[in-house]
Amino acid sequence: MINSRSVQVRISGDVQGCAYRDWTEKNAHLLGIAGWVRNRKDGSVEAMFAGPDTSVNEMISRCKDGPKAAQVKQVDILKEGCGRFSDEFDILPTA
């Protein structure tokens, strides 16, 4: 049985206008993770990742670097155990 994990994270720094959401969606698909990503009006990026522990942990690790043009200052876990909403990964509108 595979252990699963779901987390909601906020990525702060210079993370908008650098294709961070597209990069996140691509990496989530590569890792087999469900969830979503969106820009926040405060300039951060917020995401929810759900899937196998190892994949979610790897995604969080990758978010600390992000795409080449991003300058990530911090990745905060806002919530653990968010649930799994679907098998898809979506880019949501800015919140």
PDB file of N, CA and C in Angstrom:
ATOM      1  N   MET A   1       0.841  -1.189   0.000  1.00  0.00           N
ATOM      2  CA  MET A   1       0.000   0.000   0.000  1.00  0.00           C
ATOM      3  C   MET A   1       0.881   1.246   0.000  1.00  0.00           C
ATOM      4  N   ILE A   2       0.559   2.192  -0.864  1.00  0.00           N
ATOM      5  CA  ILE A   2       1.337   3.426  -0.985  1.00  0.00           C
ATOM      6  C   ILE A   2       0.791   4.453  -0.006  1.00  0.00           C
ATOM      7  N   ASN A   3       1.703   5.054   0.776  1.00  0.00           N
ATOM      8  CA  ASN A   3       1.304   6.152   1.659  1.00  0.00           C
ATOM      9  C   ASN A   3       1.053   7.383   0.808  1.00  0.00           C
ATOM     10  N   SER A   4      -0.024   8.087   1.113  1.00  0.00           N
ATOM     11  CA  SER A   4      -0.330   9.294   0.357  1.00  0.00           C
ATOM     12  C   SER A   4      -0.289  10.508   1.267  1.00  0.00           C
ATOM     13  N   ARG A   5      -0.118  11.648   0.635  1.00  0.00           N
ATOM     14  CA  ARG A   5      -0.007  12.909   1.363  1.00  0.00           C
ATOM     15  C   ARG A   5      -0.687  13.988   0.544  1.00  0.00           C
ATOM     16  N   SER A   6      -1.307  14.934   1.225  1.00  0.00           N
ATOM     17  CA  SER A   6      -1.828  16.115   0.547  1.00  0.00           C
ATOM     18  C   SER A   6      -1.449  17.341   1.369  1.00  0.00           C
ATOM     19  N   VAL A   7      -0.980  18.362   0.669  1.00  0.00           N
ATOM     20  CA  VAL A   7      -0.542  19.595   1.322  1.00  0.00           C
ATOM     21  C   VAL A   7      -0.956  20.800   0.501  1.00  0.00           C
ATOM     22  N   GLN A   8      -1.150  21.891   1.205  1.00  0.00           N
ATOM     23  CA  GLN A   8      -1.351  23.182   0.557  1.00  0.00           C
ATOM     24  C   GLN A   8      -0.129  24.019   0.897  1.00  0.00           C
ATOM     25  N   VAL A   9       0.499  24.611  -0.129  1.00  0.00           N
ATOM     26  CA  VAL A   9       1.725  25.378   0.073  1.00  0.00           C
ATOM     27  C   VAL A   9       1.595  26.775  -0.512  1.00  0.00           C
ATOM     28  N   ARG A  10       2.412  27.680   0.023  1.00  0.00           N
ATOM     29  CA  ARG A  10       2.530  29.028  -0.537  1.00  0.00           C
ATOM     30  C   ARG A  10       4.001  29.257  -0.850  1.00  0.00           C
ATOM     31  N   ILE A  11       4.265  29.668  -2.086  1.00  0.00           N
ATOM     32  CA  ILE A  11       5.616  29.947  -2.535  1.00  0.00           C
ATOM     33  C   ILE A  11       5.753  31.457  -2.663  1.00  0.00           C
ATOM     34  N   SER A  12       6.735  32.017  -1.965  1.00  0.00           N
ATOM     35  CA  SER A  12       6.911  33.463  -2.014  1.00  0.00           C
ATOM     36  C   SER A  12       8.273  33.819  -2.587  1.00  0.00           C
ATOM     37  N   GLY A  13       8.379  35.041  -3.041  1.00  0.00           N
ATOM     38  CA  GLY A  13       9.574  35.551  -3.701  1.00  0.00           C
ATOM     39  C   GLY A  13       9.159  36.191  -5.008  1.00  0.00           C
ATOM     40  N   ASP A  14      10.048  36.195  -5.981  1.00  0.00           N
ATOM     41  CA  ASP A  14       9.731  36.694  -7.319  1.00  0.00           C
ATOM     42  C   ASP A  14       9.248  35.497  -8.126  1.00  0.00           C
ATOM     43  N   VAL A  15       7.960  35.150  -7.958  1.00  0.00           N
ATOM     44  CA  VAL A  15       7.425  33.902  -8.509  1.00  0.00           C
ATOM     45  C   VAL A  15       6.246  34.102  -9.462  1.00  0.00           C
ATOM     46  N   GLN A  16       5.906  35.338  -9.763  1.00  0.00           N
ATOM     47  CA  GLN A  16       4.865  35.594 -10.760  1.00  0.00           C
ATOM     48  C   GLN A  16       5.511  36.243 -11.969  1.00  0.00           C
ATOM     49  N   GLY A  17       4.954  35.965 -13.142  1.00  0.00           N
ATOM     50  CA  GLY A  17       5.508  36.511 -14.371  1.00  0.00           C
ATOM     51  C   GLY A  17       6.725  35.745 -14.860  1.00  0.00           C
ATOM     52  N   CYS A  18       6.915  34.532 -14.351  1.00  0.00           N
ATOM     53  CA  CYS A  18       8.080  33.718 -14.730  1.00  0.00           C
ATOM     54  C   CYS A  18       7.660  32.298 -15.112  1.00  0.00           C
ATOM     55  N   ALA A  19       6.387  32.106 -15.414  1.00  0.00           N
ATOM     56  CA  ALA A  19       5.834  30.805 -15.813  1.00  0.00           C
ATOM     57  C   ALA A  19       5.847  29.788 -14.674  1.00  0.00           C
ATOM     58  N   TYR A  20       5.764  30.259 -13.433  1.00  0.00           N
ATOM     59  CA  TYR A  20       5.793  29.346 -12.288  1.00  0.00           C
ATOM     60  C   TYR A  20       4.612  28.376 -12.302  1.00  0.00           C
ATOM     61  N   ARG A  21       3.423  28.861 -12.642  1.00  0.00           N
ATOM     62  CA  ARG A  21       2.253  27.978 -12.669  1.00  0.00           C
ATOM     63  C   ARG A  21       2.391  26.894 -13.729  1.00  0.00           C
ATOM     64  N   ASP A  22       2.837  27.260 -14.926  1.00  0.00           N
ATOM     65  CA  ASP A  22       3.031  26.262 -15.984  1.00  0.00           C
ATOM     66  C   ASP A  22       4.102  25.252 -15.589  1.00  0.00           C
ATOM     67  N   TRP A  23       5.185  25.734 -14.995  1.00  0.00           N
ATOM     68  CA  TRP A  23       6.262  24.861 -14.526  1.00  0.00           C
ATOM     69  C   TRP A  23       5.725  23.888 -13.469  1.00  0.00           C
ATOM     70  N   THR A  24       4.894  24.395 -12.559  1.00  0.00           N
ATOM     71  CA  THR A  24       4.319  23.561 -11.502  1.00  0.00           C
ATOM     72  C   THR A  24       3.421  22.486 -12.098  1.00  0.00           C
ATOM     73  N   GLU A  25       2.581  22.876 -13.033  1.00  0.00           N
ATOM     74  CA  GLU A  25       1.688  21.907 -13.679  1.00  0.00           C
ATOM     75  C   GLU A  25       2.498  20.807 -14.375  1.00  0.00           C
ATOM     76  N   LYS A  26       3.539  21.182 -15.108  1.00  0.00           N
ATOM     77  CA  LYS A  26       4.379  20.205 -15.809  1.00  0.00           C
ATOM     78  C   LYS A  26       5.028  19.236 -14.823  1.00  0.00           C
ATOM     79  N   ASN A  27       5.601  19.749 -13.740  1.00  0.00           N
ATOM     80  CA  ASN A  27       6.259  18.891 -12.758  1.00  0.00           C
ATOM     81  C   ASN A  27       5.267  18.000 -12.024  1.00  0.00           C
ATOM     82  N   ALA A  28       4.087  18.516 -11.743  1.00  0.00           N
ATOM     83  CA  ALA A  28       3.055  17.699 -11.093  1.00  0.00           C
ATOM     84  C   ALA A  28       2.673  16.520 -11.984  1.00  0.00           C
ATOM     85  N   HIS A  29       2.523  16.783 -13.284  1.00  0.00           N
ATOM     86  CA  HIS A  29       2.205  15.690 -14.215  1.00  0.00           C
ATOM     87  C   HIS A  29       3.336  14.668 -14.258  1.00  0.00           C
ATOM     88  N   LEU A  30       4.575  15.133 -14.289  1.00  0.00           N
ATOM     89  CA  LEU A  30       5.725  14.221 -14.323  1.00  0.00           C
ATOM     90  C   LEU A  30       5.787  13.332 -13.079  1.00  0.00           C
ATOM     91  N   LEU A  31       5.373  13.886 -11.942  1.00  0.00           N
ATOM     92  CA  LEU A  31       5.426  13.150 -10.676  1.00  0.00           C
ATOM     93  C   LEU A  31       4.134  12.402 -10.349  1.00  0.00           C
ATOM     94  N   GLY A  32       3.105  12.562 -11.186  1.00  0.00           N
ATOM     95  CA  GLY A  32       1.837  11.879 -10.948  1.00  0.00           C
ATOM     96  C   GLY A  32       1.054  12.451  -9.787  1.00  0.00           C
ATOM     97  N   ILE A  33       1.109  13.774  -9.636  1.00  0.00           N
ATOM     98  CA  ILE A  33       0.454  14.459  -8.525  1.00  0.00           C
ATOM     99  C   ILE A  33      -0.826  15.138  -9.008  1.00  0.00           C
ATOM    100  N   ALA A  34      -1.863  15.066  -8.201  1.00  0.00           N
ATOM    101  CA  ALA A  34      -3.109  15.792  -8.456  1.00  0.00           C
ATOM    102  C   ALA A  34      -3.080  17.100  -7.663  1.00  0.00           C
ATOM    103  N   GLY A  35      -3.992  18.004  -8.000  1.00  0.00           N
ATOM    104  CA  GLY A  35      -4.110  19.244  -7.231  1.00  0.00           C
ATOM    105  C   GLY A  35      -4.326  20.450  -8.111  1.00  0.00           C
ATOM    106  N   TRP A  36      -3.778  21.574  -7.670  1.00  0.00           N
ATOM    107  CA  TRP A  36      -3.955  22.831  -8.396  1.00  0.00           C
ATOM    108  C   TRP A  36      -2.856  23.822  -8.022  1.00  0.00           C
ATOM    109  N   VAL A  37      -2.752  24.879  -8.830  1.00  0.00           N
ATOM    110  CA  VAL A  37      -1.828  25.982  -8.569  1.00  0.00           C
ATOM    111  C   VAL A  37      -2.506  27.269  -9.015  1.00  0.00           C
ATOM    112  N   ARG A  38      -2.218  28.368  -8.309  1.00  0.00           N
ATOM    113  CA  ARG A  38      -2.778  29.670  -8.688  1.00  0.00           C
ATOM    114  C   ARG A  38      -1.894  30.788  -8.151  1.00  0.00           C
ATOM    115  N   ASN A  39      -1.968  31.929  -8.829  1.00  0.00           N
ATOM    116  CA  ASN A  39      -1.326  33.134  -8.320  1.00  0.00           C
ATOM    117  C   ASN A  39      -2.190  33.721  -7.223  1.00  0.00           C
ATOM    118  N   ARG A  40      -1.543  34.420  -6.298  1.00  0.00           N
ATOM    119  CA  ARG A  40      -2.258  35.160  -5.252  1.00  0.00           C
ATOM    120  C   ARG A  40      -2.052  36.651  -5.513  1.00  0.00           C
ATOM    121  N   LYS A  41      -3.023  37.443  -5.133  1.00  0.00           N
ATOM    122  CA  LYS A  41      -2.935  38.892  -5.343  1.00  0.00           C
ATOM    123  C   LYS A  41      -1.767  39.516  -4.585  1.00  0.00           C
ATOM    124  N   ASP A  42      -1.273  38.825  -3.548  1.00  0.00           N
ATOM    125  CA  ASP A  42      -0.140  39.359  -2.780  1.00  0.00           C
ATOM    126  C   ASP A  42       1.211  39.086  -3.451  1.00  0.00           C
ATOM    127  N   GLY A  43       1.205  38.462  -4.638  1.00  0.00           N
ATOM    128  CA  GLY A  43       2.436  38.200  -5.374  1.00  0.00           C
ATOM    129  C   GLY A  43       3.000  36.807  -5.171  1.00  0.00           C
ATOM    130  N   SER A  44       2.395  36.028  -4.302  1.00  0.00           N
ATOM    131  CA  SER A  44       2.854  34.655  -4.072  1.00  0.00           C
ATOM    132  C   SER A  44       2.129  33.696  -5.014  1.00  0.00           C
ATOM    133  N   VAL A  45       2.553  32.451  -4.984  1.00  0.00           N
ATOM    134  CA  VAL A  45       1.882  31.372  -5.706  1.00  0.00           C
ATOM    135  C   VAL A  45       1.435  30.363  -4.656  1.00  0.00           C
ATOM    136  N   GLU A  46       0.219  29.862  -4.800  1.00  0.00           N
ATOM    137  CA  GLU A  46      -0.339  28.892  -3.863  1.00  0.00           C
ATOM    138  C   GLU A  46      -0.658  27.616  -4.631  1.00  0.00           C
ATOM    139  N   ALA A  47      -0.440  26.469  -3.997  1.00  0.00           N
ATOM    140  CA  ALA A  47      -0.703  25.201  -4.669  1.00  0.00           C
ATOM    141  C   ALA A  47      -1.167  24.161  -3.668  1.00  0.00           C
ATOM    142  N   MET A  48      -1.887  23.160  -4.188  1.00  0.00           N
ATOM    143  CA  MET A  48      -2.267  21.987  -3.412  1.00  0.00           C
ATOM    144  C   MET A  48      -1.760  20.788  -4.180  1.00  0.00           C
ATOM    145  N   PHE A  49      -1.033  19.921  -3.482  1.00  0.00           N
ATOM    146  CA  PHE A  49      -0.477  18.715  -4.081  1.00  0.00           C
ATOM    147  C   PHE A  49      -1.019  17.499  -3.347  1.00  0.00           C
ATOM    148  N   ALA A  50      -1.443  16.487  -4.099  1.00  0.00           N
ATOM    149  CA  ALA A  50      -1.936  15.239  -3.499  1.00  0.00           C
ATOM    150  C   ALA A  50      -1.404  14.068  -4.300  1.00  0.00           C
ATOM    151  N   GLY A  51      -0.869  13.081  -3.592  1.00  0.00           N
ATOM    152  CA  GLY A  51      -0.352  11.897  -4.257  1.00  0.00           C
ATOM    153  C   GLY A  51       0.517  11.097  -3.310  1.00  0.00           C
ATOM    154  N   PRO A  52       1.317  10.192  -3.857  1.00  0.00           N
ATOM    155  CA  PRO A  52       2.219   9.400  -3.021  1.00  0.00           C
ATOM    156  C   PRO A  52       3.186  10.302  -2.239  1.00  0.00           C
ATOM    157  N   ASP A  53       3.474   9.914  -0.990  1.00  0.00           N
ATOM    158  CA  ASP A  53       4.382  10.694  -0.133  1.00  0.00           C
ATOM    159  C   ASP A  53       5.637  11.144  -0.862  1.00  0.00           C
ATOM    160  N   THR A  54       6.309  10.187  -1.493  1.00  0.00           N
ATOM    161  CA  THR A  54       7.592  10.506  -2.126  1.00  0.00           C
ATOM    162  C   THR A  54       7.430  11.530  -3.243  1.00  0.00           C
ATOM    163  N   SER A  55       6.350  11.450  -3.999  1.00  0.00           N
ATOM    164  CA  SER A  55       6.114  12.400  -5.090  1.00  0.00           C
ATOM    165  C   SER A  55       5.793  13.787  -4.557  1.00  0.00           C
ATOM    166  N   VAL A  56       4.957  13.865  -3.536  1.00  0.00           N
ATOM    167  CA  VAL A  56       4.607  15.165  -2.945  1.00  0.00           C
ATOM    168  C   VAL A  56       5.843  15.794  -2.315  1.00  0.00           C
ATOM    169  N   ASN A  57       6.629  15.007  -1.609  1.00  0.00           N
ATOM    170  CA  ASN A  57       7.861  15.536  -1.012  1.00  0.00           C
ATOM    171  C   ASN A  57       8.819  16.053  -2.083  1.00  0.00           C
ATOM    172  N   GLU A  58       8.933  15.321  -3.188  1.00  0.00           N
ATOM    173  CA  GLU A  58       9.791  15.764  -4.296  1.00  0.00           C
ATOM    174  C   GLU A  58       9.261  17.056  -4.910  1.00  0.00           C
ATOM    175  N   MET A  59       7.935  17.180  -5.037  1.00  0.00           N
ATOM    176  CA  MET A  59       7.351  18.392  -5.607  1.00  0.00           C
ATOM    177  C   MET A  59       7.648  19.597  -4.721  1.00  0.00           C
ATOM    178  N   ILE A  60       7.504  19.434  -3.417  1.00  0.00           N
ATOM    179  CA  ILE A  60       7.808  20.530  -2.489  1.00  0.00           C
ATOM    180  C   ILE A  60       9.278  20.929  -2.632  1.00  0.00           C
ATOM    181  N   SER A  61      10.149  19.947  -2.741  1.00  0.00           N
ATOM    182  CA  SER A  61      11.575  20.215  -2.919  1.00  0.00           C
ATOM    183  C   SER A  61      11.832  20.983  -4.216  1.00  0.00           C
ATOM    184  N   ARG A  62      11.193  20.556  -5.290  1.00  0.00           N
ATOM    185  CA  ARG A  62      11.359  21.248  -6.578  1.00  0.00           C
ATOM    186  C   ARG A  62      10.849  22.683  -6.526  1.00  0.00           C
ATOM    187  N   CYS A  63       9.781  22.918  -5.758  1.00  0.00           N
ATOM    188  CA  CYS A  63       9.212  24.268  -5.648  1.00  0.00           C
ATOM    189  C   CYS A  63      10.192  25.256  -5.022  1.00  0.00           C
ATOM    190  N   LYS A  64      11.137  24.768  -4.255  1.00  0.00           N
ATOM    191  CA  LYS A  64      12.126  25.639  -3.616  1.00  0.00           C
ATOM    192  C   LYS A  64      13.056  26.282  -4.637  1.00  0.00           C
ATOM    193  N   ASP A  65      13.167  25.669  -5.815  1.00  0.00           N
ATOM    194  CA  ASP A  65      13.949  26.253  -6.912  1.00  0.00           C
ATOM    195  C   ASP A  65      13.042  26.874  -7.961  1.00  0.00           C
ATOM    196  N   GLY A  66      12.003  26.155  -8.369  1.00  0.00           N
ATOM    197  CA  GLY A  66      11.076  26.652  -9.373  1.00  0.00           C
ATOM    198  C   GLY A  66      11.717  26.746 -10.739  1.00  0.00           C
ATOM    199  N   PRO A  67      11.041  27.440 -11.673  1.00  0.00           N
ATOM    200  CA  PRO A  67      11.607  27.615 -13.008  1.00  0.00           C
ATOM    201  C   PRO A  67      12.825  28.544 -12.956  1.00  0.00           C
ATOM    202  N   LYS A  68      13.609  28.537 -14.017  1.00  0.00           N
ATOM    203  CA  LYS A  68      14.863  29.303 -14.049  1.00  0.00           C
ATOM    204  C   LYS A  68      14.684  30.778 -13.722  1.00  0.00           C
ATOM    205  N   ALA A  69      13.609  31.399 -14.206  1.00  0.00           N
ATOM    206  CA  ALA A  69      13.413  32.839 -14.014  1.00  0.00           C
ATOM    207  C   ALA A  69      12.898  33.205 -12.614  1.00  0.00           C
ATOM    208  N   ALA A  70      12.478  32.228 -11.838  1.00  0.00           N
ATOM    209  CA  ALA A  70      11.927  32.495 -10.499  1.00  0.00           C
ATOM    210  C   ALA A  70      13.044  32.722  -9.491  1.00  0.00           C
ATOM    211  N   GLN A  71      12.725  33.514  -8.483  1.00  0.00           N
ATOM    212  CA  GLN A  71      13.614  33.709  -7.338  1.00  0.00           C
ATOM    213  C   GLN A  71      12.799  33.385  -6.092  1.00  0.00           C
ATOM    214  N   VAL A  72      12.800  32.122  -5.717  1.00  0.00           N
ATOM    215  CA  VAL A  72      12.001  31.654  -4.592  1.00  0.00           C
ATOM    216  C   VAL A  72      12.694  32.023  -3.291  1.00  0.00           C
ATOM    217  N   LYS A  73      11.947  32.686  -2.409  1.00  0.00           N
ATOM    218  CA  LYS A  73      12.477  33.020  -1.083  1.00  0.00           C
ATOM    219  C   LYS A  73      12.064  31.985  -0.048  1.00  0.00           C
ATOM    220  N   GLN A  74      10.834  31.471  -0.193  1.00  0.00           N
ATOM    221  CA  GLN A  74      10.316  30.588   0.842  1.00  0.00           C
ATOM    222  C   GLN A  74       9.178  29.726   0.318  1.00  0.00           C
ATOM    223  N   VAL A  75       9.100  28.503   0.813  1.00  0.00           N
ATOM    224  CA  VAL A  75       7.969  27.610   0.553  1.00  0.00           C
ATOM    225  C   VAL A  75       7.400  27.220   1.907  1.00  0.00           C
ATOM    226  N   ASP A  76       6.181  27.638   2.177  1.00  0.00           N
ATOM    227  CA  ASP A  76       5.523  27.355   3.452  1.00  0.00           C
ATOM    228  C   ASP A  76       4.420  26.334   3.262  1.00  0.00           C
ATOM    229  N   ILE A  77       4.363  25.365   4.140  1.00  0.00           N
ATOM    230  CA  ILE A  77       3.240  24.422   4.158  1.00  0.00           C
ATOM    231  C   ILE A  77       2.140  25.063   4.992  1.00  0.00           C
ATOM    232  N   LEU A  78       1.023  25.361   4.338  1.00  0.00           N
ATOM    233  CA  LEU A  78      -0.099  26.019   5.003  1.00  0.00           C
ATOM    234  C   LEU A  78      -1.016  25.024   5.693  1.00  0.00           C
ATOM    235  N   LYS A  79      -1.137  23.840   5.080  1.00  0.00           N
ATOM    236  CA  LYS A  79      -2.094  22.871   5.594  1.00  0.00           C
ATOM    237  C   LYS A  79      -1.693  21.474   5.143  1.00  0.00           C
ATOM    238  N   GLU A  80      -1.778  20.521   6.044  1.00  0.00           N
ATOM    239  CA  GLU A  80      -1.564  19.100   5.728  1.00  0.00           C
ATOM    240  C   GLU A  80      -2.929  18.419   5.690  1.00  0.00           C
ATOM    241  N   GLY A  81      -3.045  17.354   4.926  1.00  0.00           N
ATOM    242  CA  GLY A  81      -4.294  16.596   4.902  1.00  0.00           C
ATOM    243  C   GLY A  81      -5.426  17.328   4.228  1.00  0.00           C
ATOM    244  N   CYS A  82      -5.155  17.946   3.082  1.00  0.00           N
ATOM    245  CA  CYS A  82      -6.156  18.736   2.365  1.00  0.00           C
ATOM    246  C   CYS A  82      -7.164  17.875   1.624  1.00  0.00           C
ATOM    247  N   GLY A  83      -6.862  16.604   1.472  1.00  0.00           N
ATOM    248  CA  GLY A  83      -7.748  15.734   0.700  1.00  0.00           C
ATOM    249  C   GLY A  83      -7.311  15.671  -0.742  1.00  0.00           C
ATOM    250  N   ARG A  84      -8.001  14.881  -1.492  1.00  0.00           N
ATOM    251  CA  ARG A  84      -7.708  14.736  -2.919  1.00  0.00           C
ATOM    252  C   ARG A  84      -8.983  15.064  -3.666  1.00  0.00           C
ATOM    253  N   PHE A  85      -8.918  16.058  -4.514  1.00  0.00           N
ATOM    254  CA  PHE A  85     -10.120  16.558  -5.159  1.00  0.00           C
ATOM    255  C   PHE A  85     -10.436  15.865  -6.479  1.00  0.00           C
ATOM    256  N   SER A  86      -9.416  15.444  -7.200  1.00  0.00           N
ATOM    257  CA  SER A  86      -9.593  14.735  -8.462  1.00  0.00           C
ATOM    258  C   SER A  86      -8.255  14.108  -8.820  1.00  0.00           C
ATOM    259  N   ASP A  87      -8.197  13.487  -9.974  1.00  0.00           N
ATOM    260  CA  ASP A  87      -6.930  12.942 -10.445  1.00  0.00           C
ATOM    261  C   ASP A  87      -6.198  13.923 -11.351  1.00  0.00           C
ATOM    262  N   GLU A  88      -6.745  15.097 -11.530  1.00  0.00           N
ATOM    263  CA  GLU A  88      -6.187  16.102 -12.434  1.00  0.00           C
ATOM    264  C   GLU A  88      -5.328  17.111 -11.675  1.00  0.00           C
ATOM    265  N   PHE A  89      -4.557  17.878 -12.437  1.00  0.00           N
ATOM    266  CA  PHE A  89      -3.831  19.017 -11.877  1.00  0.00           C
ATOM    267  C   PHE A  89      -4.250  20.225 -12.704  1.00  0.00           C
ATOM    268  N   ASP A  90      -4.757  21.264 -12.032  1.00  0.00           N
ATOM    269  CA  ASP A  90      -5.327  22.414 -12.716  1.00  0.00           C
ATOM    270  C   ASP A  90      -4.605  23.710 -12.365  1.00  0.00           C
ATOM    271  N   ILE A  91      -4.631  24.641 -13.309  1.00  0.00           N
ATOM    272  CA  ILE A  91      -4.214  26.006 -13.037  1.00  0.00           C
ATOM    273  C   ILE A  91      -5.495  26.796 -12.800  1.00  0.00           C
ATOM    274  N   LEU A  92      -5.605  27.371 -11.602  1.00  0.00           N
ATOM    275  CA  LEU A  92      -6.810  28.105 -11.207  1.00  0.00           C
ATOM    276  C   LEU A  92      -6.609  29.610 -11.389  1.00  0.00           C
ATOM    277  N   PRO A  93      -7.714  30.366 -11.435  1.00  0.00           N
ATOM    278  CA  PRO A  93      -7.611  31.826 -11.518  1.00  0.00           C
ATOM    279  C   PRO A  93      -6.955  32.410 -10.262  1.00  0.00           C
ATOM    280  N   THR A  94      -6.420  33.596 -10.406  1.00  0.00           N
ATOM    281  CA  THR A  94      -5.805  34.306  -9.285  1.00  0.00           C
ATOM    282  C   THR A  94      -6.806  34.517  -8.161  1.00  0.00           C
ATOM    283  N   ALA A  95      -6.336  34.348  -6.947  1.00  0.00           N
ATOM    284  CA  ALA A  95      -7.197  34.530  -5.767  1.00  0.00           C
ATOM    285  C   ALA A  95      -6.702  35.709  -4.947  1.00  0.00           C
TER     286      ALA A  95
END
